Amino acid sequence: MALWGHMKNSIEAPESANTEKKRELTVFIFLAVILAPVLSVVIVGVYGLSVWLLQHFTGPPAG
């Protein structure tokens, strides 16, 4: 009995294993090259915007 939908049996054809490895590489490249940098920029941008808005309404930090 397979636990995951894409794992039909324990013995796969070489073409199927090659296709799976190619798909895994594509997903990894997408995550590492596209998603991680975009997510980092969005997180820093949201933080900067929130600090800017906070200072806009409450004034600069005392110090």
N, C-alpha and C. Protein backbone atom coordinates (compact mmCIF):
# COMPACT_ATOMS: atom_id res chain seq x y z
N MET A 1 0.84 -1.18 0.00
CA MET A 1 0.00 0.00 0.00
C MET A 1 0.88 1.25 0.00
N ALA A 2 0.63 2.13 -0.93
CA ALA A 2 1.45 3.33 -1.06
C ALA A 2 0.95 4.42 -0.12
N LEU A 3 1.90 5.10 0.51
CA LEU A 3 1.54 6.20 1.41
C LEU A 3 1.33 7.50 0.65
N TRP A 4 2.03 7.66 -0.44
CA TRP A 4 1.95 8.90 -1.21
C TRP A 4 1.35 8.59 -2.57
N GLY A 5 0.68 9.58 -3.15
CA GLY A 5 0.01 9.38 -4.42
C GLY A 5 0.96 9.11 -5.57
N HIS A 6 2.15 9.71 -5.57
CA HIS A 6 3.07 9.55 -6.68
C HIS A 6 3.91 8.29 -6.58
N MET A 7 3.85 7.59 -5.46
CA MET A 7 4.63 6.36 -5.28
C MET A 7 3.71 5.16 -5.51
N LYS A 8 3.66 4.70 -6.73
CA LYS A 8 2.75 3.62 -7.07
C LYS A 8 3.30 2.26 -6.64
N ASN A 9 4.58 2.06 -6.81
CA ASN A 9 5.20 0.82 -6.36
C ASN A 9 6.66 1.09 -6.01
N SER A 10 7.30 0.13 -5.39
CA SER A 10 8.67 0.34 -4.94
C SER A 10 9.68 0.22 -6.08
N ILE A 11 9.32 -0.44 -7.16
CA ILE A 11 10.22 -0.58 -8.30
C ILE A 11 9.69 0.28 -9.42
N GLU A 12 10.48 1.30 -9.77
CA GLU A 12 10.06 2.22 -10.83
C GLU A 12 10.89 1.97 -12.08
N ALA A 13 10.31 2.31 -13.21
CA ALA A 13 11.03 2.21 -14.47
C ALA A 13 12.09 3.31 -14.49
N PRO A 14 13.20 3.12 -15.19
CA PRO A 14 14.26 4.14 -15.24
C PRO A 14 13.76 5.48 -15.77
N GLU A 15 12.83 5.46 -16.73
CA GLU A 15 12.31 6.71 -17.26
C GLU A 15 11.54 7.47 -16.19
N SER A 16 10.80 6.74 -15.38
CA SER A 16 10.02 7.36 -14.33
C SER A 16 10.93 7.99 -13.27
N ALA A 17 11.98 7.29 -12.90
CA ALA A 17 12.93 7.82 -11.92
C ALA A 17 13.64 9.04 -12.48
N ASN A 18 14.00 9.00 -13.75
CA ASN A 18 14.66 10.14 -14.39
C ASN A 18 13.73 11.34 -14.44
N THR A 19 12.47 11.11 -14.75
CA THR A 19 11.49 12.19 -14.79
C THR A 19 11.31 12.79 -13.40
N GLU A 20 11.26 11.94 -12.39
CA GLU A 20 11.11 12.43 -11.02
C GLU A 20 12.31 13.27 -10.59
N LYS A 21 13.52 12.84 -10.94
CA LYS A 21 14.72 13.61 -10.59
C LYS A 21 14.73 14.95 -11.31
N LYS A 22 14.31 14.96 -12.56
CA LYS A 22 14.26 16.21 -13.32
C LYS A 22 13.24 17.17 -12.69
N ARG A 23 12.11 16.62 -12.27
CA ARG A 23 11.08 17.45 -11.62
C ARG A 23 11.59 17.99 -10.28
N GLU A 24 12.26 17.16 -9.50
CA GLU A 24 12.82 17.61 -8.23
C GLU A 24 13.85 18.72 -8.44
N LEU A 25 14.69 18.59 -9.46
CA LEU A 25 15.68 19.62 -9.76
C LEU A 25 15.00 20.92 -10.16
N THR A 26 13.95 20.82 -10.96
CA THR A 26 13.21 22.01 -11.39
C THR A 26 12.58 22.71 -10.20
N VAL A 27 11.98 21.95 -9.30
CA VAL A 27 11.36 22.54 -8.11
C VAL A 27 12.42 23.18 -7.23
N PHE A 28 13.56 22.52 -7.05
CA PHE A 28 14.64 23.08 -6.24
C PHE A 28 15.15 24.40 -6.82
N ILE A 29 15.37 24.43 -8.13
CA ILE A 29 15.85 25.65 -8.77
C ILE A 29 14.83 26.77 -8.62
N PHE A 30 13.55 26.44 -8.78
CA PHE A 30 12.50 27.44 -8.59
C PHE A 30 12.53 27.99 -7.17
N LEU A 31 12.63 27.11 -6.18
CA LEU A 31 12.66 27.56 -4.79
C LEU A 31 13.90 28.37 -4.47
N ALA A 32 15.06 27.92 -4.94
CA ALA A 32 16.32 28.56 -4.58
C ALA A 32 16.57 29.85 -5.36
N VAL A 33 16.19 29.88 -6.62
CA VAL A 33 16.53 31.02 -7.48
C VAL A 33 15.42 32.06 -7.55
N ILE A 34 14.18 31.64 -7.44
CA ILE A 34 13.07 32.58 -7.63
C ILE A 34 12.35 32.86 -6.31
N LEU A 35 11.85 31.83 -5.66
CA LEU A 35 10.98 32.04 -4.51
C LEU A 35 11.72 32.61 -3.30
N ALA A 36 12.87 32.09 -2.96
CA ALA A 36 13.60 32.56 -1.77
C ALA A 36 14.00 34.04 -1.89
N PRO A 37 14.60 34.49 -3.00
CA PRO A 37 14.93 35.91 -3.11
C PRO A 37 13.70 36.82 -3.11
N VAL A 38 12.66 36.42 -3.82
CA VAL A 38 11.45 37.24 -3.86
C VAL A 38 10.82 37.33 -2.46
N LEU A 39 10.76 36.21 -1.77
CA LEU A 39 10.21 36.21 -0.43
C LEU A 39 11.05 37.07 0.52
N SER A 40 12.35 37.03 0.38
CA SER A 40 13.23 37.86 1.21
C SER A 40 12.98 39.34 0.97
N VAL A 41 12.88 39.73 -0.27
CA VAL A 41 12.62 41.15 -0.60
C VAL A 41 11.27 41.58 -0.07
N VAL A 42 10.27 40.73 -0.19
CA VAL A 42 8.93 41.07 0.29
C VAL A 42 8.94 41.24 1.81
N ILE A 43 9.60 40.32 2.51
CA ILE A 43 9.64 40.41 3.98
C ILE A 43 10.35 41.68 4.43
N VAL A 44 11.49 41.99 3.84
CA VAL A 44 12.23 43.20 4.21
C VAL A 44 11.43 44.45 3.83
N GLY A 45 10.77 44.41 2.70
CA GLY A 45 9.95 45.55 2.27
C GLY A 45 8.77 45.81 3.19
N VAL A 46 8.11 44.75 3.61
CA VAL A 46 6.98 44.90 4.53
C VAL A 46 7.46 45.43 5.87
N TYR A 47 8.59 44.93 6.34
CA TYR A 47 9.14 45.42 7.61
C TYR A 47 9.50 46.91 7.49
N GLY A 48 10.16 47.28 6.42
CA GLY A 48 10.54 48.69 6.21
C GLY A 48 9.32 49.59 6.11
N LEU A 49 8.31 49.14 5.39
CA LEU A 49 7.09 49.93 5.26
C LEU A 49 6.39 50.09 6.61
N SER A 50 6.36 49.02 7.40
CA SER A 50 5.71 49.11 8.70
C SER A 50 6.46 50.06 9.63
N VAL A 51 7.79 50.01 9.62
CA VAL A 51 8.57 50.95 10.44
C VAL A 51 8.36 52.37 9.96
N TRP A 52 8.34 52.58 8.67
CA TRP A 52 8.15 53.92 8.11
C TRP A 52 6.77 54.47 8.49
N LEU A 53 5.73 53.64 8.37
CA LEU A 53 4.40 54.09 8.74
C LEU A 53 4.29 54.35 10.23
N LEU A 54 4.90 53.50 11.04
CA LEU A 54 4.89 53.70 12.48
C LEU A 54 5.55 55.03 12.84
N GLN A 55 6.68 55.31 12.25
CA GLN A 55 7.38 56.57 12.52
C GLN A 55 6.64 57.77 11.94
N HIS A 56 5.92 57.56 10.87
CA HIS A 56 5.14 58.63 10.27
C HIS A 56 4.05 59.09 11.23
N PHE A 57 3.39 58.14 11.89
CA PHE A 57 2.28 58.48 12.77
C PHE A 57 2.71 58.76 14.21
N THR A 58 3.78 58.15 14.70
CA THR A 58 4.17 58.32 16.10
C THR A 58 5.40 59.21 16.26
N GLY A 59 6.04 59.56 15.20
CA GLY A 59 7.25 60.40 15.28
C GLY A 59 8.49 59.52 15.38
N PRO A 60 9.65 60.17 15.23
CA PRO A 60 10.90 59.39 15.27
C PRO A 60 11.14 58.84 16.69
N PRO A 61 11.98 57.82 16.78
CA PRO A 61 12.26 57.26 18.11
C PRO A 61 13.00 58.28 18.98
N ALA A 62 12.67 58.27 20.25
CA ALA A 62 13.33 59.20 21.18
C ALA A 62 14.72 58.69 21.47
N GLY A 63 15.65 59.58 21.58
CA GLY A 63 16.98 59.09 21.90
C GLY A 63 17.97 60.12 21.89
